[in-house]
């Protein structure tokens, strides 16, 4: 319906309507003109009713015109066709063609929806999307999907949609290891000592340890020997081997434990050995015991005990002299000095 106000006064002007310069179709449109306005009625507007409508007023040879353009629009048709281009990982690519009928107006875009085969429920993924291709992501692994696309203009979505004919199956990724033709390297090697045994000196009564390190693949068997004799079963010795480091602990050694110690490593590819000399010896020092105005005697410190010096000592057995001239060795304290033998 179009209403146009008319000028007031007498005589009354004569009003007439035209459509695209042609007289109106009386079956499609009607006109009612009154004292104040002229009204154009269009029954059940159709797209063919679009065009230029012109109102003409005539009064005693004078004429005035007014025009208005009318555009009748409707919902667009669905896209022409849709197809599934590719499926990879959790993604699917779609492509479709524009609709043949846009509803006599420009499209606002496309609405893309997806539906899982298990539930059949449609969910909107894209709205007012303008391109005719898209990639849908975050699809659930193990599901199969259908897709459909609607056209949209000012009147809304198309009454139907273009639906994919085939399903998009989201497969589980193949995470199995694939052979790349890698050639396995042989790390086998005969025993070799990276750190040999070192000669060692020890004090009787104090446990001591011998160390060396060996490299071998497969792991080598370690054997310890003293003077070429196997000592594996002797409780006086404890042998350890960890991460290639070989240790021999000798519990409270005595001078009898002095000798040449050998560590031998053997595997299927060969053998190697290292040895060292261990000396277990008491520390012996010679000193003097002095007392002002009394006899002076020499003594020895052996194994932590005091003993009188033998007759063939470098110092005479008896001597008189002041204490300032005959002091004991530095390691001897006054409390440790024994009395001079009578």
Protein backbone atom coordinates (compact mmCIF):
# COMPACT_ATOMS: atom_id res chain seq x y z
CA UNK A 1 0.00 0.00 0.00
CA UNK A 2 1.25 3.44 -0.97
CA UNK A 3 -0.38 6.63 0.41
CA UNK A 4 0.34 10.05 -1.10
CA UNK A 5 -1.07 13.25 0.52
CA UNK A 6 -2.94 15.64 -1.82
CA UNK A 7 -2.87 19.46 -1.73
CA UNK A 8 -5.91 21.07 -0.05
CA UNK A 9 -8.16 23.51 -1.85
CA UNK A 10 -10.74 23.84 -4.60
CA UNK A 11 -11.21 22.78 -7.23
CA UNK A 12 -9.98 19.27 -6.34
CA UNK A 13 -7.05 17.90 -8.52
CA UNK A 14 -7.44 14.70 -10.50
CA UNK A 15 -4.98 11.91 -9.44
CA UNK A 16 -3.76 8.99 -11.59
CA UNK A 17 -1.15 6.18 -11.11
CA UNK A 18 1.10 4.41 -13.59
CA UNK A 19 3.54 1.45 -13.30
CA UNK A 20 6.70 1.75 -15.38
CA UNK A 21 4.84 4.25 -17.57
CA UNK A 22 1.90 1.88 -18.11
CA UNK A 23 -1.60 1.93 -16.69
CA UNK A 24 -2.13 -0.22 -13.60
CA UNK A 25 -3.47 -3.76 -13.86
CA UNK A 26 -6.89 -3.50 -12.23
CA UNK A 27 -6.73 -7.14 -11.15
CA UNK A 28 -3.44 -6.67 -9.30
CA UNK A 29 -3.69 -3.08 -8.04
CA UNK A 30 -6.39 -0.55 -7.14
CA UNK A 31 -6.45 3.20 -6.35
CA UNK A 32 -8.57 5.12 -3.85
CA UNK A 33 -8.37 8.91 -3.91
CA UNK A 34 -10.01 11.12 -1.26
CA UNK A 35 -9.97 14.77 -0.25
CA UNK A 36 -6.66 14.46 1.59
CA UNK A 37 -4.71 11.62 -0.05
CA UNK A 38 -4.47 9.03 -2.82
CA UNK A 39 -3.81 5.40 -1.84
CA UNK A 40 -2.44 2.61 -4.08
CA UNK A 41 -3.25 -0.97 -3.05
CA UNK A 42 -1.25 -3.93 -4.43
CA UNK A 43 -2.82 -7.32 -3.71
CA UNK A 44 -0.33 -10.14 -2.94
CA UNK A 45 2.76 -8.38 -4.17
CA UNK A 46 4.88 -10.37 -6.58
CA UNK A 47 8.36 -9.84 -7.91
CA UNK A 48 6.80 -8.58 -11.17
CA UNK A 49 5.25 -5.73 -9.20
CA UNK A 50 8.69 -4.21 -8.73
CA UNK A 51 9.36 -1.03 -10.68
CA UNK A 52 8.67 2.68 -10.81
CA UNK A 53 5.25 3.92 -9.67
CA UNK A 54 4.31 7.47 -10.65
CA UNK A 55 1.48 9.68 -9.30
CA UNK A 56 0.21 12.47 -11.61
CA UNK A 57 -2.00 15.36 -10.40
CA UNK A 58 -3.87 17.51 -12.97
CA UNK A 59 -5.73 20.76 -12.27
CA UNK A 60 -7.03 23.16 -14.96
CA UNK A 61 -4.24 22.43 -17.41
CA UNK A 62 -1.55 22.24 -14.72
CA UNK A 63 0.24 18.97 -13.95
CA UNK A 64 2.51 17.68 -11.15
CA UNK A 65 4.22 14.27 -10.85
CA UNK A 66 5.84 12.22 -8.06
CA UNK A 67 7.61 8.86 -8.54
CA UNK A 68 8.74 6.05 -6.25
CA UNK A 69 10.72 2.87 -6.96
CA UNK A 70 9.48 -0.35 -5.36
CA UNK A 71 11.50 -3.57 -5.13
CA UNK A 72 9.68 -6.77 -4.20
CA UNK A 73 12.12 -9.36 -2.70
CA UNK A 74 11.76 -12.90 -1.38
CA UNK A 75 13.89 -15.66 0.13
CA UNK A 76 16.75 -16.87 -2.07
CA UNK A 77 17.10 -20.32 -3.60
CA UNK A 78 19.57 -22.78 -2.02
CA UNK A 79 23.10 -23.13 -3.43
CA UNK A 80 23.22 -24.97 -6.74
CA UNK A 81 25.39 -27.89 -5.59
CA UNK A 82 27.80 -28.88 -2.81
CA UNK A 83 30.56 -31.44 -2.71
CA UNK A 84 33.12 -32.74 -0.24
CA UNK A 85 36.59 -31.87 -1.54
CA UNK A 86 38.86 -33.58 0.98
CA UNK A 87 39.06 -35.06 4.47
CA UNK A 88 42.30 -35.18 6.47
CA UNK A 89 42.97 -35.44 10.18
CA UNK A 90 40.08 -33.69 11.95
CA UNK A 91 39.33 -31.41 8.97
CA UNK A 92 36.99 -31.41 5.97
CA UNK A 93 36.95 -29.11 2.91
CA UNK A 94 33.66 -28.13 1.18
CA UNK A 95 32.78 -26.33 -2.06
CA UNK A 96 29.41 -25.16 -3.44
CA UNK A 97 27.98 -23.01 -6.24
CA UNK A 98 25.93 -19.80 -5.78
CA UNK A 99 22.11 -20.04 -6.03
CA UNK A 100 20.44 -19.36 -9.36
CA UNK A 101 17.92 -17.06 -7.68
CA UNK A 102 19.08 -14.61 -5.03
CA UNK A 103 15.51 -13.44 -4.19
CA UNK A 104 15.74 -10.25 -6.29
CA UNK A 105 18.37 -8.78 -3.95
CA UNK A 106 21.97 -9.25 -2.89
CA UNK A 107 22.94 -12.19 -0.70
CA UNK A 108 24.10 -11.54 2.86
CA UNK A 109 26.14 -14.75 2.79
CA UNK A 110 25.85 -18.49 3.47
CA UNK A 111 25.14 -20.52 6.60
CA UNK A 112 27.10 -23.79 6.93
CA UNK A 113 25.95 -26.58 9.25
CA UNK A 114 27.23 -30.02 10.22
CA UNK A 115 25.54 -33.13 11.63
CA UNK A 116 27.02 -36.24 13.22
CA UNK A 117 25.66 -39.46 11.76
CA UNK A 118 25.09 -40.87 15.27
CA UNK A 119 22.82 -38.07 16.52
CA UNK A 120 21.56 -36.50 13.29
CA UNK A 121 21.39 -33.06 14.94
CA UNK A 122 22.47 -30.06 12.89
CA UNK A 123 24.81 -27.45 14.35
CA UNK A 124 25.72 -24.13 12.73
CA UNK A 125 29.42 -23.75 12.03
CA UNK A 126 29.55 -20.59 9.88
CA UNK A 127 27.07 -17.72 9.48
CA UNK A 128 26.88 -15.08 6.73
CA UNK A 129 29.99 -16.62 5.18
CA UNK A 130 30.69 -15.08 1.76
CA UNK A 131 33.18 -17.38 -0.05
CA UNK A 132 31.91 -20.57 -1.70
CA UNK A 133 34.63 -22.80 -0.19
CA UNK A 134 35.45 -23.49 3.44
CA UNK A 135 37.45 -25.80 5.71
CA UNK A 136 35.80 -27.15 8.85
CA UNK A 137 38.10 -28.17 11.71
CA UNK A 138 37.91 -29.76 15.17
CA UNK A 139 35.83 -32.70 13.95
CA UNK A 140 35.69 -35.64 16.36
CA UNK A 141 37.83 -38.66 15.53
CA UNK A 142 35.76 -41.77 14.77
CA UNK A 143 32.59 -39.87 13.73
CA UNK A 144 31.03 -39.43 10.29
CA UNK A 145 29.60 -36.06 9.26
CA UNK A 146 27.12 -34.60 6.78
CA UNK A 147 27.18 -30.93 5.76
CA UNK A 148 24.61 -28.53 4.34
CA UNK A 149 24.64 -24.90 3.18
CA UNK A 150 21.81 -22.30 3.15
CA UNK A 151 21.67 -19.04 1.18
CA UNK A 152 20.68 -15.90 3.08
CA UNK A 153 19.36 -12.42 2.12
CA UNK A 154 17.25 -9.73 3.82
CA UNK A 155 14.26 -12.06 3.92
CA UNK A 156 16.21 -14.78 5.75
CA UNK A 157 17.57 -18.22 4.93
CA UNK A 158 16.55 -20.18 1.89
CA UNK A 159 13.70 -22.63 2.45
CA UNK A 160 16.00 -25.59 1.67
CA UNK A 161 19.71 -26.30 1.73
CA UNK A 162 22.30 -28.02 -0.42
CA UNK A 163 23.40 -31.23 1.39
CA UNK A 164 26.53 -33.30 0.77
CA UNK A 165 25.81 -36.71 -0.77
CA UNK A 166 28.76 -38.46 0.87
CA UNK A 167 29.82 -38.60 4.51
CA UNK A 168 33.10 -37.31 5.86
CA UNK A 169 34.67 -40.12 7.90
CA UNK A 170 37.17 -38.87 10.48
CA UNK A 171 39.64 -41.72 10.78
CA UNK A 172 41.95 -42.41 13.68
CA UNK A 173 45.51 -41.35 12.93
CA UNK A 174 47.96 -44.11 12.14
CA UNK A 175 50.60 -43.70 14.83
CA UNK A 176 52.47 -46.90 14.08
CA UNK A 177 56.20 -46.57 13.63
CA UNK A 178 57.30 -46.67 10.01
CA UNK A 179 60.62 -48.11 9.01
CA UNK A 180 62.98 -45.59 7.46
CA UNK A 181 65.64 -48.05 6.44
CA UNK A 182 67.81 -47.31 9.48
CA UNK A 183 70.80 -49.61 9.78
CA UNK A 184 71.48 -50.67 13.34
CA UNK A 185 74.99 -49.87 14.52
CA UNK A 186 77.09 -52.55 16.21
CA UNK A 187 78.42 -51.17 19.51
CA UNK A 188 80.23 -54.37 20.51
CA UNK A 189 83.83 -53.93 21.60
CA UNK A 190 86.45 -55.88 23.58
CA UNK A 191 87.39 -54.74 27.10
CA UNK A 192 89.64 -51.70 27.43
CA UNK A 193 90.63 -49.87 30.61
CA UNK A 194 89.94 -46.15 30.48
CA UNK A 195 91.50 -45.59 33.93
CA UNK A 196 94.30 -47.95 35.06
CA UNK A 197 95.19 -48.99 38.58
CA UNK A 198 97.64 -46.73 40.43
CA UNK A 199 100.40 -47.86 42.80
CA UNK A 200 99.26 -47.41 46.38
CA UNK A 201 100.79 -47.31 49.87
CA UNK A 202 98.72 -48.11 52.93
CA UNK A 203 99.06 -48.25 56.71
CA UNK A 204 98.42 -51.53 58.54
CA UNK A 205 95.01 -51.83 60.15
CA UNK A 206 93.29 -49.27 57.93
CA UNK A 207 91.07 -50.54 55.07
CA UNK A 208 92.17 -49.41 51.63
CA UNK A 209 90.65 -49.46 48.11
CA UNK A 210 91.99 -49.88 44.59
CA UNK A 211 90.11 -48.29 41.66
CA UNK A 212 90.06 -48.64 37.87
CA UNK A 213 87.47 -48.22 35.09
CA UNK A 214 86.76 -50.44 32.10
CA UNK A 215 84.64 -50.18 28.93
CA UNK A 216 83.28 -53.23 27.11
CA UNK A 217 80.23 -54.43 25.20
CA UNK A 218 78.88 -56.91 26.09
CA UNK A 219 79.61 -56.36 29.77
CA UNK A 220 82.93 -57.84 30.85
CA UNK A 221 83.49 -60.29 33.70
CA UNK A 222 85.87 -58.80 36.28
CA UNK A 223 88.48 -60.91 38.11
CA UNK A 224 90.88 -59.64 40.79
CA UNK A 225 94.25 -61.31 41.46
CA UNK A 226 97.13 -60.87 43.90
CA UNK A 227 100.53 -61.95 42.65
CA UNK A 228 98.75 -63.77 39.75
CA UNK A 229 96.53 -65.71 42.24
CA UNK A 230 92.72 -65.41 42.13
CA UNK A 231 91.37 -63.78 45.32
CA UNK A 232 87.67 -63.72 44.43
CA UNK A 233 86.57 -66.03 47.26
CA UNK A 234 88.74 -64.55 50.01
CA UNK A 235 86.55 -62.79 52.67
CA UNK A 236 89.37 -60.30 53.28
CA UNK A 237 88.60 -58.73 49.91
CA UNK A 238 85.38 -57.21 48.58
CA UNK A 239 85.11 -56.58 44.82
CA UNK A 240 82.52 -54.17 43.34
CA UNK A 241 81.72 -53.22 39.74
CA UNK A 242 79.18 -50.55 38.83
CA UNK A 243 78.80 -48.52 35.60
CA UNK A 244 82.25 -49.67 34.49
CA UNK A 245 84.01 -48.60 37.72
CA UNK A 246 85.82 -51.52 39.40
CA UNK A 247 86.71 -51.34 43.10
CA UNK A 248 88.68 -53.74 45.31
CA UNK A 249 88.41 -53.13 49.05
CA UNK A 250 91.10 -54.69 51.29
CA UNK A 251 89.89 -54.93 54.88
CA UNK A 252 92.47 -53.98 57.54
CA UNK A 253 95.56 -54.88 55.53
CA UNK A 254 98.83 -56.06 57.03
CA UNK A 255 102.34 -56.15 55.55
CA UNK A 256 101.48 -59.62 54.29
CA UNK A 257 98.93 -58.03 51.91
CA UNK A 258 101.65 -56.15 50.03
CA UNK A 259 102.15 -57.28 46.46
CA UNK A 260 101.04 -56.83 42.84
CA UNK A 261 97.29 -56.62 42.32
CA UNK A 262 95.73 -57.26 38.92
CA UNK A 263 92.24 -56.46 37.56
CA UNK A 264 91.28 -58.61 34.57
CA UNK A 265 88.25 -57.96 32.30
CA UNK A 266 86.99 -60.64 29.89
CA UNK A 267 84.09 -60.81 27.37
CA UNK A 268 83.43 -62.78 24.18
CA UNK A 269 85.47 -60.32 22.10
CA UNK A 270 88.66 -60.38 24.15
CA UNK A 271 90.28 -59.54 27.46
CA UNK A 272 92.40 -56.83 29.09
CA UNK A 273 94.14 -56.39 32.42
CA UNK A 274 95.88 -53.73 34.51
CA UNK A 275 97.96 -54.08 37.67
CA UNK A 276 99.52 -52.02 40.41
CA UNK A 277 101.80 -52.46 43.42
CA UNK A 278 100.39 -52.16 46.93
CA UNK A 279 102.77 -51.57 49.82
CA UNK A 280 101.53 -52.00 53.39
CA UNK A 281 104.26 -50.66 55.69
CA UNK A 282 104.45 -49.30 59.23
CA UNK A 283 105.69 -45.76 59.71
CA UNK A 284 108.95 -45.83 61.86
CA UNK A 285 110.50 -42.67 63.30
CA UNK A 286 113.47 -42.25 65.64
CA UNK A 287 113.45 -39.78 68.53
CA UNK A 288 115.15 -39.14 71.94
CA UNK A 289 113.89 -38.93 75.50
CA UNK A 290 115.64 -36.25 77.52
CA UNK A 291 115.54 -35.25 81.13
CA UNK A 292 117.63 -32.50 82.72
CA UNK A 293 120.47 -33.92 84.80
CA UNK A 294 119.59 -37.55 83.97
CA UNK A 295 120.32 -40.16 81.41
CA UNK A 296 119.28 -39.70 77.74
CA UNK A 297 118.08 -42.71 75.66
CA UNK A 298 116.98 -43.08 72.06
CA UNK A 299 113.61 -44.67 71.15
CA UNK A 300 111.54 -45.57 68.08
CA UNK A 301 107.87 -45.11 67.15
CA UNK A 302 106.63 -48.19 65.32
CA UNK A 303 103.00 -49.14 64.81
CA UNK A 304 101.87 -46.46 67.24
CA UNK A 305 104.00 -47.89 70.18
CA UNK A 306 107.21 -46.71 71.79
CA UNK A 307 110.28 -49.00 71.84
CA UNK A 308 113.84 -48.47 73.14
CA UNK A 309 116.37 -47.87 70.37
CA UNK A 310 118.63 -50.83 69.48
CA UNK A 311 122.29 -50.79 70.64
CA UNK A 312 123.55 -49.98 67.17
CA UNK A 313 121.51 -46.78 67.00
CA UNK A 314 123.08 -43.70 65.50
CA UNK A 315 123.00 -41.93 68.91
CA UNK A 316 124.95 -43.18 71.99
CA UNK A 317 122.95 -45.12 74.57
CA UNK A 318 123.63 -42.81 77.50
CA UNK A 319 124.39 -39.07 77.48
CA UNK A 320 124.12 -36.14 79.83
CA UNK A 321 122.91 -32.78 78.64
CA UNK A 322 120.30 -30.05 79.00
CA UNK A 323 116.78 -30.56 77.59
CA UNK A 324 117.15 -27.62 75.19
CA UNK A 325 119.89 -29.55 73.34
CA UNK A 326 118.16 -32.97 73.15
CA UNK A 327 114.49 -32.45 72.07
CA UNK A 328 112.28 -35.33 70.79
CA UNK A 329 110.93 -35.49 67.20
CA UNK A 330 108.06 -33.09 66.44
CA UNK A 331 105.36 -35.76 66.42
CA UNK A 332 106.18 -36.87 70.03
CA UNK A 333 104.31 -35.18 72.84
CA UNK A 334 105.22 -35.07 76.50
CA UNK A 335 102.33 -37.34 77.45
CA UNK A 336 103.51 -40.04 75.01
CA UNK A 337 107.11 -40.17 76.25
CA UNK A 338 107.84 -43.41 78.17
CA UNK A 339 110.27 -43.48 81.07
CA UNK A 340 113.89 -44.19 80.28
CA UNK A 341 114.75 -47.81 81.00
CA UNK A 342 116.99 -48.35 84.07
